[in-house]
Amino acid sequence: MSGFAFELTARDGAARRGRMTTAHGTVETPAFMPVGTQGAVKAVTSDELLACGTQIVLANTYHLHVRPGHELIRELGGLHRFMNWGGPILTDSGGFQAFSMKGRTTLDEEGVTFQSHLDGSRLRITPELSMDIQAALGSDVAMVLDECPALPAGRDAVEAAVARSTRWARRSRDAYRGPGVPFGIVQGGTDETLRERSAE
C-alpha cells in the first residue's frame, strides 16, 4: 500500500470537504465519480473526462472479472493503461452486484455465488478474491466486499448485514496486497446506531 492520504479541509455542520491523495493524483471531495463499469465510461473519451474536470473514475470488480478477466488486464499493464486513464481509479468490490443481481446470487459467510449474467455459469467471489482481483487491476481505492441489504428491511436483517460486512472487511484488509488502499463501506441503512457501529 503506498501513496494514499486523506485530509479534512473544511467543515460546515454535518458537511465536510476533504482531499484524497493517491499515487495517480488528488481528489477533492465531495466529488462526482463517472462510472466506467467495464473499463470505459460510455461515449466519453479520457481526454473528454479530463476536460469535464473528472478527478476519479469508478470501475467494477465483478464485471471486469467476468469479462475480459482481471489476469488479462494485469498482463496488459493494469486498469489505468487498459482504460487509458492516468488519474485515480476506485473499484467496486462486487458487493453491489450481489444486491442488484438478486435472483442470480447467493450469499453465505464465505462470500457470494453468482450466476453469470453472460452465460449462466457459476462463479464465486469471496472477500479475499475480490481483493486479489482489485490488486490485479491496480486500482487506487479497492472497496471491500460487503452485504448490501435491500431497503426497507427490518433491524435484524440490517444488523446482520452490518456484522457480516464488518467480518468481510477484516478479511479484505488482511488479504489486500495491491498498490492502492482497501476502503471500508459503512452499512446500517438509516439506523444511526448501526451506521456508527459499521464505521468503527
N, C-alpha and C. Protein backbone atom coordinates (compact mmCIF):
# COMPACT_ATOMS: atom_id res chain seq x y z
N MET A 1 0.84 -1.17 0.00
CA MET A 1 0.00 0.00 0.00
C MET A 1 0.89 1.24 0.00
N SER A 2 0.64 2.15 -0.95
CA SER A 2 1.51 3.31 -0.98
C SER A 2 0.79 4.50 -1.61
N GLY A 3 1.28 5.69 -1.28
CA GLY A 3 0.81 6.88 -1.94
C GLY A 3 -0.62 7.27 -1.64
N PHE A 4 -1.16 6.96 -0.45
CA PHE A 4 -2.54 7.33 -0.15
C PHE A 4 -2.57 8.17 1.12
N ALA A 5 -3.38 9.24 1.08
CA ALA A 5 -3.60 10.07 2.27
C ALA A 5 -4.94 10.75 2.14
N PHE A 6 -5.55 11.06 3.28
CA PHE A 6 -6.79 11.83 3.29
C PHE A 6 -6.68 12.94 4.31
N GLU A 7 -7.07 14.14 3.90
CA GLU A 7 -7.01 15.30 4.78
C GLU A 7 -8.37 15.99 4.77
N LEU A 8 -8.91 16.26 5.95
CA LEU A 8 -10.15 17.02 6.07
C LEU A 8 -9.80 18.50 5.98
N THR A 9 -10.39 19.20 5.01
CA THR A 9 -10.00 20.59 4.78
C THR A 9 -11.03 21.61 5.26
N ALA A 10 -12.29 21.20 5.42
CA ALA A 10 -13.31 22.15 5.90
C ALA A 10 -14.52 21.41 6.43
N ARG A 11 -15.23 22.07 7.36
CA ARG A 11 -16.49 21.54 7.90
C ARG A 11 -17.52 22.66 7.92
N ASP A 12 -18.77 22.26 7.72
CA ASP A 12 -19.89 23.19 7.87
C ASP A 12 -21.07 22.36 8.36
N GLY A 13 -21.27 22.32 9.67
CA GLY A 13 -22.28 21.44 10.25
C GLY A 13 -21.88 19.99 9.99
N ALA A 14 -22.79 19.23 9.39
CA ALA A 14 -22.50 17.82 9.07
C ALA A 14 -21.75 17.68 7.75
N ALA A 15 -21.67 18.76 6.97
CA ALA A 15 -20.98 18.70 5.68
C ALA A 15 -19.47 18.77 5.89
N ARG A 16 -18.75 18.03 5.04
CA ARG A 16 -17.28 18.02 5.13
C ARG A 16 -16.68 18.15 3.74
N ARG A 17 -15.52 18.75 3.70
CA ARG A 17 -14.74 18.82 2.47
C ARG A 17 -13.38 18.22 2.77
N GLY A 18 -12.86 17.45 1.81
CA GLY A 18 -11.59 16.79 2.05
C GLY A 18 -10.73 16.70 0.81
N ARG A 19 -9.55 16.16 1.01
CA ARG A 19 -8.61 15.96 -0.09
C ARG A 19 -8.02 14.56 0.03
N MET A 20 -8.25 13.73 -0.97
CA MET A 20 -7.72 12.37 -1.01
C MET A 20 -6.57 12.35 -2.00
N THR A 21 -5.42 11.90 -1.53
CA THR A 21 -4.25 11.84 -2.39
C THR A 21 -3.91 10.38 -2.67
N THR A 22 -3.77 10.06 -3.95
CA THR A 22 -3.42 8.69 -4.37
C THR A 22 -2.16 8.76 -5.24
N ALA A 23 -1.65 7.59 -5.59
CA ALA A 23 -0.47 7.54 -6.45
C ALA A 23 -0.73 8.11 -7.84
N HIS A 24 -2.01 8.19 -8.22
CA HIS A 24 -2.36 8.69 -9.55
C HIS A 24 -3.01 10.07 -9.53
N GLY A 25 -2.94 10.75 -8.40
CA GLY A 25 -3.48 12.11 -8.36
C GLY A 25 -4.33 12.37 -7.13
N THR A 26 -4.82 13.59 -7.07
CA THR A 26 -5.57 14.09 -5.93
C THR A 26 -7.04 14.25 -6.29
N VAL A 27 -7.89 13.94 -5.31
CA VAL A 27 -9.33 14.09 -5.48
C VAL A 27 -9.84 15.01 -4.38
N GLU A 28 -10.49 16.10 -4.76
CA GLU A 28 -11.13 16.99 -3.81
C GLU A 28 -12.54 16.48 -3.56
N THR A 29 -12.86 16.18 -2.30
CA THR A 29 -14.18 15.64 -2.00
C THR A 29 -15.09 16.70 -1.40
N PRO A 30 -16.41 16.59 -1.62
CA PRO A 30 -17.07 15.52 -2.38
C PRO A 30 -16.78 15.66 -3.87
N ALA A 31 -16.84 14.55 -4.57
CA ALA A 31 -16.50 14.55 -6.00
C ALA A 31 -17.51 13.73 -6.78
N PHE A 32 -17.77 14.15 -8.01
CA PHE A 32 -18.56 13.35 -8.93
C PHE A 32 -17.65 12.29 -9.52
N MET A 33 -18.08 11.04 -9.52
CA MET A 33 -17.25 9.94 -9.98
C MET A 33 -17.93 9.22 -11.15
N PRO A 34 -17.53 9.51 -12.40
CA PRO A 34 -18.12 8.81 -13.54
C PRO A 34 -17.89 7.31 -13.42
N VAL A 35 -18.87 6.54 -13.90
CA VAL A 35 -18.82 5.09 -13.79
C VAL A 35 -18.36 4.48 -15.11
N GLY A 36 -17.23 3.79 -15.04
CA GLY A 36 -16.72 3.03 -16.18
C GLY A 36 -16.76 1.56 -15.83
N THR A 37 -17.96 1.03 -15.65
CA THR A 37 -18.17 -0.32 -15.11
C THR A 37 -17.23 -1.34 -15.71
N GLN A 38 -17.15 -1.38 -17.03
CA GLN A 38 -16.37 -2.41 -17.71
C GLN A 38 -15.05 -1.87 -18.25
N GLY A 39 -14.55 -0.81 -17.63
CA GLY A 39 -13.26 -0.27 -18.03
C GLY A 39 -13.36 0.87 -19.03
N ALA A 40 -14.56 1.42 -19.20
CA ALA A 40 -14.73 2.57 -20.08
C ALA A 40 -15.98 3.33 -19.66
N VAL A 41 -15.88 4.65 -19.61
CA VAL A 41 -17.06 5.48 -19.40
C VAL A 41 -17.72 5.62 -20.76
N LYS A 42 -18.92 5.13 -20.89
CA LYS A 42 -19.57 5.02 -22.20
C LYS A 42 -19.69 6.37 -22.88
N ALA A 43 -19.31 6.40 -24.15
CA ALA A 43 -19.46 7.54 -25.06
C ALA A 43 -18.60 8.74 -24.68
N VAL A 44 -17.60 8.55 -23.78
CA VAL A 44 -16.74 9.66 -23.36
C VAL A 44 -15.28 9.18 -23.42
N THR A 45 -14.42 9.95 -24.05
CA THR A 45 -13.00 9.61 -24.09
C THR A 45 -12.30 10.06 -22.82
N SER A 46 -11.10 9.57 -22.60
CA SER A 46 -10.30 10.00 -21.45
C SER A 46 -10.02 11.50 -21.49
N ASP A 47 -9.74 12.02 -22.67
CA ASP A 47 -9.49 13.46 -22.81
C ASP A 47 -10.74 14.26 -22.46
N GLU A 48 -11.90 13.75 -22.86
CA GLU A 48 -13.15 14.45 -22.53
C GLU A 48 -13.43 14.40 -21.03
N LEU A 49 -13.09 13.27 -20.39
CA LEU A 49 -13.25 13.18 -18.94
C LEU A 49 -12.40 14.25 -18.25
N LEU A 50 -11.17 14.38 -18.69
CA LEU A 50 -10.29 15.41 -18.11
C LEU A 50 -10.84 16.81 -18.36
N ALA A 51 -11.34 17.05 -19.56
CA ALA A 51 -11.88 18.37 -19.90
C ALA A 51 -13.11 18.71 -19.05
N CYS A 52 -13.83 17.68 -18.64
CA CYS A 52 -15.02 17.88 -17.77
C CYS A 52 -14.63 18.12 -16.32
N GLY A 53 -13.36 17.96 -15.99
CA GLY A 53 -12.91 18.14 -14.61
C GLY A 53 -12.98 16.88 -13.77
N THR A 54 -13.10 15.73 -14.42
CA THR A 54 -13.16 14.45 -13.69
C THR A 54 -11.86 14.23 -12.93
N GLN A 55 -12.00 13.85 -11.66
CA GLN A 55 -10.83 13.60 -10.82
C GLN A 55 -10.59 12.11 -10.56
N ILE A 56 -11.67 11.31 -10.62
CA ILE A 56 -11.58 9.89 -10.30
C ILE A 56 -12.67 9.16 -11.07
N VAL A 57 -12.38 7.93 -11.45
CA VAL A 57 -13.32 7.10 -12.21
C VAL A 57 -13.55 5.81 -11.45
N LEU A 58 -14.77 5.29 -11.52
CA LEU A 58 -15.12 4.02 -10.88
C LEU A 58 -15.19 2.92 -11.93
N ALA A 59 -14.63 1.75 -11.60
CA ALA A 59 -14.79 0.55 -12.42
C ALA A 59 -15.25 -0.58 -11.51
N ASN A 60 -15.65 -1.70 -12.11
CA ASN A 60 -16.32 -2.73 -11.31
C ASN A 60 -15.61 -4.08 -11.33
N THR A 61 -15.33 -4.59 -10.16
CA THR A 61 -14.61 -5.85 -9.97
C THR A 61 -15.34 -7.03 -10.60
N TYR A 62 -16.62 -7.17 -10.29
CA TYR A 62 -17.37 -8.31 -10.83
C TYR A 62 -17.34 -8.32 -12.35
N HIS A 63 -17.70 -7.20 -12.96
CA HIS A 63 -17.80 -7.15 -14.42
C HIS A 63 -16.44 -7.36 -15.10
N LEU A 64 -15.38 -6.78 -14.55
CA LEU A 64 -14.06 -6.96 -15.16
C LEU A 64 -13.51 -8.36 -14.92
N HIS A 65 -13.92 -8.99 -13.83
CA HIS A 65 -13.54 -10.38 -13.56
C HIS A 65 -14.20 -11.31 -14.58
N VAL A 66 -15.48 -11.04 -14.87
CA VAL A 66 -16.22 -11.87 -15.82
C VAL A 66 -15.71 -11.65 -17.24
N ARG A 67 -15.47 -10.39 -17.60
CA ARG A 67 -15.03 -10.06 -18.96
C ARG A 67 -14.29 -8.73 -18.95
N PRO A 68 -13.06 -8.65 -19.36
CA PRO A 68 -12.25 -9.64 -20.06
C PRO A 68 -11.44 -10.55 -19.13
N GLY A 69 -11.51 -10.32 -17.83
CA GLY A 69 -10.74 -11.09 -16.85
C GLY A 69 -9.63 -10.25 -16.27
N HIS A 70 -9.49 -10.29 -14.94
CA HIS A 70 -8.50 -9.44 -14.27
C HIS A 70 -7.07 -9.83 -14.60
N GLU A 71 -6.82 -11.12 -14.86
CA GLU A 71 -5.45 -11.53 -15.20
C GLU A 71 -5.03 -10.94 -16.54
N LEU A 72 -5.94 -10.90 -17.50
CA LEU A 72 -5.63 -10.29 -18.79
C LEU A 72 -5.33 -8.81 -18.62
N ILE A 73 -6.15 -8.13 -17.80
CA ILE A 73 -5.91 -6.70 -17.56
C ILE A 73 -4.55 -6.49 -16.90
N ARG A 74 -4.20 -7.37 -15.95
CA ARG A 74 -2.87 -7.27 -15.34
C ARG A 74 -1.77 -7.43 -16.39
N GLU A 75 -1.93 -8.42 -17.27
CA GLU A 75 -0.93 -8.67 -18.33
C GLU A 75 -0.80 -7.48 -19.28
N LEU A 76 -1.90 -6.76 -19.46
CA LEU A 76 -1.89 -5.61 -20.37
C LEU A 76 -1.38 -4.33 -19.70
N GLY A 77 -0.97 -4.43 -18.42
CA GLY A 77 -0.38 -3.28 -17.73
C GLY A 77 -1.27 -2.64 -16.70
N GLY A 78 -2.40 -3.28 -16.38
CA GLY A 78 -3.28 -2.76 -15.33
C GLY A 78 -4.42 -1.93 -15.89
N LEU A 79 -5.35 -1.61 -15.02
CA LEU A 79 -6.58 -0.93 -15.44
C LEU A 79 -6.33 0.49 -15.93
N HIS A 80 -5.37 1.19 -15.35
CA HIS A 80 -5.09 2.55 -15.82
C HIS A 80 -4.70 2.54 -17.30
N ARG A 81 -3.85 1.62 -17.66
CA ARG A 81 -3.43 1.53 -19.06
C ARG A 81 -4.57 1.01 -19.92
N PHE A 82 -5.30 0.01 -19.43
CA PHE A 82 -6.42 -0.57 -20.15
C PHE A 82 -7.47 0.49 -20.48
N MET A 83 -7.71 1.42 -19.54
CA MET A 83 -8.70 2.47 -19.72
C MET A 83 -8.12 3.73 -20.37
N ASN A 84 -6.80 3.78 -20.50
CA ASN A 84 -6.13 4.99 -20.96
C ASN A 84 -6.50 6.17 -20.06
N TRP A 85 -6.44 5.90 -18.74
CA TRP A 85 -6.79 6.91 -17.75
C TRP A 85 -5.65 7.01 -16.75
N GLY A 86 -5.05 8.20 -16.65
CA GLY A 86 -3.91 8.39 -15.77
C GLY A 86 -4.26 8.81 -14.36
N GLY A 87 -5.53 9.13 -14.13
CA GLY A 87 -5.96 9.59 -12.82
C GLY A 87 -6.35 8.46 -11.89
N PRO A 88 -6.82 8.78 -10.68
CA PRO A 88 -7.21 7.77 -9.72
C PRO A 88 -8.39 6.91 -10.22
N ILE A 89 -8.38 5.65 -9.81
CA ILE A 89 -9.47 4.72 -10.10
C ILE A 89 -9.91 4.08 -8.80
N LEU A 90 -11.21 4.06 -8.57
CA LEU A 90 -11.82 3.32 -7.48
C LEU A 90 -12.53 2.12 -8.08
N THR A 91 -12.33 0.94 -7.49
CA THR A 91 -13.04 -0.25 -7.97
C THR A 91 -14.03 -0.72 -6.93
N ASP A 92 -15.26 -0.96 -7.38
CA ASP A 92 -16.30 -1.53 -6.53
C ASP A 92 -16.01 -3.02 -6.36
N SER A 93 -16.38 -3.57 -5.22
CA SER A 93 -15.96 -4.91 -4.82
C SER A 93 -16.73 -6.06 -5.45
N GLY A 94 -17.90 -5.78 -5.99
CA GLY A 94 -18.83 -6.83 -6.40
C GLY A 94 -20.00 -6.94 -5.44
N GLY A 95 -19.92 -6.26 -4.31
CA GLY A 95 -21.00 -6.29 -3.32
C GLY A 95 -22.30 -5.72 -3.86
N PHE A 96 -22.22 -4.65 -4.67
CA PHE A 96 -23.45 -4.09 -5.21
C PHE A 96 -24.08 -5.05 -6.21
N GLN A 97 -23.26 -5.77 -6.97
CA GLN A 97 -23.82 -6.75 -7.90
C GLN A 97 -24.52 -7.89 -7.15
N ALA A 98 -23.99 -8.24 -5.98
CA ALA A 98 -24.66 -9.26 -5.17
C ALA A 98 -26.06 -8.81 -4.80
N PHE A 99 -26.26 -7.49 -4.66
CA PHE A 99 -27.56 -6.90 -4.35
C PHE A 99 -28.40 -6.72 -5.61
N SER A 100 -27.80 -6.13 -6.64
CA SER A 100 -28.58 -5.73 -7.82
C SER A 100 -28.93 -6.92 -8.72
N MET A 101 -28.18 -8.02 -8.61
CA MET A 101 -28.45 -9.20 -9.43
C MET A 101 -29.23 -10.25 -8.62
N LYS A 102 -30.04 -9.78 -7.68
CA LYS A 102 -30.83 -10.67 -6.85
C LYS A 102 -31.57 -11.67 -7.73
N GLY A 103 -31.56 -12.93 -7.31
CA GLY A 103 -32.12 -13.99 -8.14
C GLY A 103 -31.03 -14.74 -8.88
N ARG A 104 -29.87 -14.07 -9.02
CA ARG A 104 -28.71 -14.70 -9.65
C ARG A 104 -27.56 -14.84 -8.66
N THR A 105 -27.83 -14.51 -7.38
CA THR A 105 -26.77 -14.54 -6.38
C THR A 105 -27.23 -15.25 -5.12
N THR A 106 -26.25 -15.85 -4.44
CA THR A 106 -26.48 -16.45 -3.13
C THR A 106 -25.34 -16.01 -2.22
N LEU A 107 -25.69 -15.48 -1.05
CA LEU A 107 -24.68 -15.06 -0.07
C LEU A 107 -24.60 -16.08 1.04
N ASP A 108 -23.37 -16.33 1.50
CA ASP A 108 -23.15 -17.09 2.72
C ASP A 108 -21.95 -16.47 3.42
N GLU A 109 -21.55 -17.04 4.52
CA GLU A 109 -20.48 -16.43 5.32
C GLU A 109 -19.17 -16.32 4.56
N GLU A 110 -18.92 -17.22 3.62
CA GLU A 110 -17.65 -17.21 2.91
C GLU A 110 -17.61 -16.21 1.76
N GLY A 111 -18.76 -15.87 1.20
CA GLY A 111 -18.76 -14.95 0.07
C GLY A 111 -20.05 -15.00 -0.72
N VAL A 112 -19.94 -14.70 -2.01
CA VAL A 112 -21.11 -14.62 -2.89
C VAL A 112 -20.92 -15.58 -4.06
N THR A 113 -21.97 -16.34 -4.37
CA THR A 113 -22.00 -17.16 -5.58
C THR A 113 -22.88 -16.45 -6.59
N PHE A 114 -22.33 -16.20 -7.77
CA PHE A 114 -23.04 -15.52 -8.85
C PHE A 114 -23.39 -16.51 -9.96
N GLN A 115 -24.52 -16.29 -10.59
CA GLN A 115 -24.81 -16.92 -11.86
C GLN A 115 -24.53 -15.85 -12.90
N SER A 116 -23.53 -16.08 -13.75
CA SER A 116 -23.10 -15.06 -14.70
C SER A 116 -24.26 -14.51 -15.51
N HIS A 117 -24.29 -13.20 -15.67
CA HIS A 117 -25.31 -12.56 -16.49
C HIS A 117 -25.02 -12.77 -17.97
N LEU A 118 -23.83 -13.29 -18.30
CA LEU A 118 -23.46 -13.50 -19.71
C LEU A 118 -23.84 -14.89 -20.20
N ASP A 119 -23.44 -15.92 -19.43
CA ASP A 119 -23.67 -17.29 -19.93
C ASP A 119 -24.29 -18.22 -18.90
N GLY A 120 -24.64 -17.69 -17.74
CA GLY A 120 -25.29 -18.51 -16.72
C GLY A 120 -24.35 -19.36 -15.89
N SER A 121 -23.04 -19.30 -16.18
CA SER A 121 -22.10 -20.10 -15.40
C SER A 121 -22.00 -19.58 -13.98
N ARG A 122 -21.58 -20.45 -13.07
CA ARG A 122 -21.46 -20.06 -11.67
C ARG A 122 -20.04 -19.57 -11.38
N LEU A 123 -19.94 -18.51 -10.62
CA LEU A 123 -18.64 -18.06 -10.17
C LEU A 123 -18.77 -17.56 -8.74
N ARG A 124 -17.67 -17.64 -8.04
CA ARG A 124 -17.65 -17.36 -6.61
C ARG A 124 -16.72 -16.19 -6.34
N ILE A 125 -17.18 -15.21 -5.57
CA ILE A 125 -16.31 -14.12 -5.13
C ILE A 125 -16.35 -14.07 -3.61
N THR A 126 -15.19 -14.23 -3.02
CA THR A 126 -15.01 -14.10 -1.58
C THR A 126 -14.36 -12.75 -1.29
N PRO A 127 -14.34 -12.32 -0.05
CA PRO A 127 -13.61 -11.07 0.25
C PRO A 127 -12.17 -11.12 -0.24
N GLU A 128 -11.53 -12.28 -0.08
CA GLU A 128 -10.12 -12.41 -0.48
C GLU A 128 -9.97 -12.33 -2.00
N LEU A 129 -10.85 -13.01 -2.75
CA LEU A 129 -10.75 -12.96 -4.20
C LEU A 129 -11.06 -11.55 -4.72
N SER A 130 -12.04 -10.89 -4.12
CA SER A 130 -12.33 -9.52 -4.53
C SER A 130 -11.09 -8.64 -4.39
N MET A 131 -10.36 -8.80 -3.30
CA MET A 131 -9.14 -8.02 -3.10
C MET A 131 -8.05 -8.42 -4.10
N ASP A 132 -7.95 -9.71 -4.40
CA ASP A 132 -6.97 -10.19 -5.38
C ASP A 132 -7.26 -9.60 -6.76
N ILE A 133 -8.54 -9.60 -7.13
CA ILE A 133 -8.93 -9.05 -8.43
C ILE A 133 -8.58 -7.56 -8.48
N GLN A 134 -8.93 -6.83 -7.45
CA GLN A 134 -8.68 -5.39 -7.44
C GLN A 134 -7.18 -5.07 -7.41
N ALA A 135 -6.41 -5.93 -6.74
CA ALA A 135 -4.95 -5.76 -6.77
C ALA A 135 -4.42 -5.96 -8.18
N ALA A 136 -4.94 -6.98 -8.89
CA ALA A 136 -4.52 -7.24 -10.27
C ALA A 136 -4.90 -6.08 -11.18
N LEU A 137 -6.04 -5.46 -10.92
CA LEU A 137 -6.46 -4.31 -11.72
C LEU A 137 -5.58 -3.10 -11.45
N GLY A 138 -5.00 -3.02 -10.24
CA GLY A 138 -4.13 -1.91 -9.89
C GLY A 138 -4.88 -0.65 -9.50
N SER A 139 -6.08 -0.82 -8.92
CA SER A 139 -6.88 0.35 -8.56
C SER A 139 -6.24 1.09 -7.39
N ASP A 140 -6.57 2.36 -7.30
CA ASP A 140 -6.05 3.20 -6.21
C ASP A 140 -6.85 3.01 -4.93
N VAL A 141 -8.16 2.79 -5.07
CA VAL A 141 -9.05 2.58 -3.94
C VAL A 141 -9.84 1.31 -4.21
N ALA A 142 -9.63 0.29 -3.37
CA ALA A 142 -10.27 -1.02 -3.54
C ALA A 142 -11.35 -1.18 -2.47
N MET A 143 -12.61 -1.12 -2.87
CA MET A 143 -13.70 -1.26 -1.92
C MET A 143 -13.77 -2.70 -1.41
N VAL A 144 -14.05 -2.85 -0.13
CA VAL A 144 -14.15 -4.19 0.45
C VAL A 144 -15.51 -4.79 0.14
N LEU A 145 -15.56 -6.11 0.02
CA LEU A 145 -16.82 -6.80 -0.24
C LEU A 145 -17.75 -6.61 0.94
N ASP A 146 -19.00 -6.27 0.65
CA ASP A 146 -19.97 -6.04 1.71
C ASP A 146 -21.31 -6.66 1.34
N GLU A 147 -22.17 -6.78 2.33
CA GLU A 147 -23.54 -7.22 2.10
C GLU A 147 -24.43 -5.99 2.13
N CYS A 148 -25.12 -5.74 1.04
CA CYS A 148 -25.95 -4.55 0.89
C CYS A 148 -27.42 -4.99 0.92
N PRO A 149 -28.09 -4.90 2.08
CA PRO A 149 -29.47 -5.37 2.16
C PRO A 149 -30.43 -4.44 1.44
N ALA A 150 -31.46 -5.04 0.85
CA ALA A 150 -32.49 -4.23 0.19
C ALA A 150 -33.32 -3.53 1.26
N LEU A 151 -33.58 -2.25 1.04
CA LEU A 151 -34.40 -1.49 1.98
C LEU A 151 -35.78 -1.28 1.37
N PRO A 152 -36.86 -1.25 2.16
CA PRO A 152 -36.83 -1.33 3.62
C PRO A 152 -36.53 -2.75 4.09
N ALA A 153 -35.85 -2.83 5.22
CA ALA A 153 -35.53 -4.12 5.84
C ALA A 153 -35.66 -3.95 7.34
N GLY A 154 -35.99 -5.04 8.02
CA GLY A 154 -36.09 -5.00 9.47
C GLY A 154 -34.73 -4.80 10.11
N ARG A 155 -34.73 -4.32 11.34
CA ARG A 155 -33.48 -4.05 12.04
C ARG A 155 -32.60 -5.30 12.12
N ASP A 156 -33.20 -6.46 12.36
CA ASP A 156 -32.40 -7.69 12.47
C ASP A 156 -31.63 -7.96 11.20
N ALA A 157 -32.29 -7.79 10.05
CA ALA A 157 -31.63 -8.04 8.76
C ALA A 157 -30.50 -7.04 8.53
N VAL A 158 -30.75 -5.77 8.85
CA VAL A 158 -29.72 -4.74 8.65
C VAL A 158 -28.56 -4.96 9.61
N GLU A 159 -28.87 -5.32 10.85
CA GLU A 159 -27.81 -5.59 11.83
C GLU A 159 -26.97 -6.78 11.41
N ALA A 160 -27.59 -7.82 10.87
CA ALA A 160 -26.85 -8.99 10.39
C ALA A 160 -25.95 -8.62 9.21
N ALA A 161 -26.43 -7.73 8.34
CA ALA A 161 -25.62 -7.28 7.19
C ALA A 161 -24.42 -6.46 7.66
N VAL A 162 -24.63 -5.62 8.67
CA VAL A 162 -23.51 -4.84 9.23
C VAL A 162 -22.47 -5.79 9.82
N ALA A 163 -22.93 -6.79 10.57
CA ALA A 163 -21.98 -7.73 11.19
C ALA A 163 -21.20 -8.51 10.14
N ARG A 164 -21.91 -8.99 9.10
CA ARG A 164 -21.20 -9.74 8.04
C ARG A 164 -20.25 -8.82 7.28
N SER A 165 -20.71 -7.62 6.95
CA SER A 165 -19.85 -6.68 6.22
C SER A 165 -18.59 -6.36 7.03
N THR A 166 -18.72 -6.27 8.35
CA THR A 166 -17.57 -6.00 9.21
C THR A 166 -16.59 -7.18 9.19
N ARG A 167 -17.12 -8.39 9.26
CA ARG A 167 -16.24 -9.57 9.19
C ARG A 167 -15.55 -9.65 7.83
N TRP A 168 -16.30 -9.38 6.77
CA TRP A 168 -15.71 -9.40 5.44
C TRP A 168 -14.68 -8.28 5.28
N ALA A 169 -14.92 -7.13 5.90
CA ALA A 169 -13.96 -6.02 5.81
C ALA A 169 -12.63 -6.41 6.45
N ARG A 170 -12.69 -7.08 7.59
CA ARG A 170 -11.45 -7.53 8.23
C ARG A 170 -10.71 -8.52 7.34
N ARG A 171 -11.44 -9.46 6.75
CA ARG A 171 -10.81 -10.43 5.85
C ARG A 171 -10.21 -9.73 4.63
N SER A 172 -10.93 -8.75 4.11
CA SER A 172 -10.45 -8.00 2.94
C SER A 172 -9.17 -7.25 3.28
N ARG A 173 -9.18 -6.56 4.41
CA ARG A 173 -7.99 -5.80 4.84
C ARG A 173 -6.79 -6.73 4.98
N ASP A 174 -7.00 -7.88 5.59
CA ASP A 174 -5.89 -8.81 5.81
C ASP A 174 -5.38 -9.41 4.51
N ALA A 175 -6.25 -9.53 3.50
CA ALA A 175 -5.86 -10.18 2.25
C ALA A 175 -5.26 -9.23 1.22
N TYR A 176 -5.49 -7.93 1.37
CA TYR A 176 -5.14 -6.99 0.30
C TYR A 176 -3.64 -6.86 0.11
N ARG A 177 -3.19 -7.03 -1.13
CA ARG A 177 -1.78 -6.91 -1.48
C ARG A 177 -1.58 -6.02 -2.71
N GLY A 178 -2.48 -5.09 -2.89
CA GLY A 178 -2.43 -4.25 -4.08
C GLY A 178 -1.63 -2.98 -3.89
N PRO A 179 -1.56 -2.18 -4.95
CA PRO A 179 -0.79 -0.95 -4.90
C PRO A 179 -1.53 0.22 -4.26
N GLY A 180 -2.84 0.10 -4.09
CA GLY A 180 -3.63 1.20 -3.54
C GLY A 180 -3.96 0.98 -2.08
N VAL A 181 -5.21 1.21 -1.73
CA VAL A 181 -5.64 1.08 -0.34
C VAL A 181 -7.02 0.42 -0.31
N PRO A 182 -7.23 -0.55 0.61
CA PRO A 182 -8.58 -1.10 0.77
C PRO A 182 -9.44 -0.08 1.50
N PHE A 183 -10.71 -0.01 1.14
CA PHE A 183 -11.58 1.03 1.67
C PHE A 183 -12.88 0.41 2.16
N GLY A 184 -13.23 0.67 3.41
CA GLY A 184 -14.43 0.11 4.02
C GLY A 184 -15.69 0.84 3.61
N ILE A 185 -16.81 0.14 3.72
CA ILE A 185 -18.11 0.68 3.36
C ILE A 185 -18.98 0.73 4.61
N VAL A 186 -19.60 1.86 4.86
CA VAL A 186 -20.49 1.99 6.01
C VAL A 186 -21.86 1.44 5.64
N GLN A 187 -22.32 0.45 6.39
CA GLN A 187 -23.65 -0.11 6.21
C GLN A 187 -24.52 0.32 7.39
N GLY A 188 -25.75 -0.11 7.41
CA GLY A 188 -26.64 0.22 8.52
C GLY A 188 -27.92 0.90 8.12
N GLY A 189 -28.11 1.09 6.80
CA GLY A 189 -29.33 1.74 6.34
C GLY A 189 -29.46 3.13 6.93
N THR A 190 -30.62 3.43 7.48
CA THR A 190 -30.85 4.75 8.08
C THR A 190 -30.73 4.72 9.60
N ASP A 191 -30.29 3.59 10.14
CA ASP A 191 -30.16 3.45 11.59
C ASP A 191 -28.81 4.01 12.04
N GLU A 192 -28.83 5.16 12.71
CA GLU A 192 -27.59 5.83 13.09
C GLU A 192 -26.71 4.97 13.99
N THR A 193 -27.34 4.22 14.90
CA THR A 193 -26.55 3.36 15.80
C THR A 193 -25.80 2.30 15.01
N LEU A 194 -26.48 1.66 14.06
CA LEU A 194 -25.83 0.64 13.24
C LEU A 194 -24.79 1.24 12.31
N ARG A 195 -25.06 2.45 11.78
CA ARG A 195 -24.08 3.09 10.92
C ARG A 195 -22.80 3.43 11.70
N GLU A 196 -22.97 3.89 12.93
CA GLU A 196 -21.80 4.18 13.76
C GLU A 196 -21.03 2.90 14.07
N ARG A 197 -21.74 1.82 14.34
CA ARG A 197 -21.07 0.54 14.58
C ARG A 197 -20.32 0.09 13.34
N SER A 198 -20.93 0.25 12.17
CA SER A 198 -20.30 -0.16 10.92
C SER A 198 -19.04 0.66 10.62
N ALA A 199 -19.06 1.94 11.02
CA ALA A 199 -17.95 2.83 10.72
C ALA A 199 -16.76 2.68 11.67
N GLU A 200 -16.92 1.93 12.78
CA GLU A 200 -15.84 1.80 13.75
C GLU A 200 -14.63 1.10 13.17
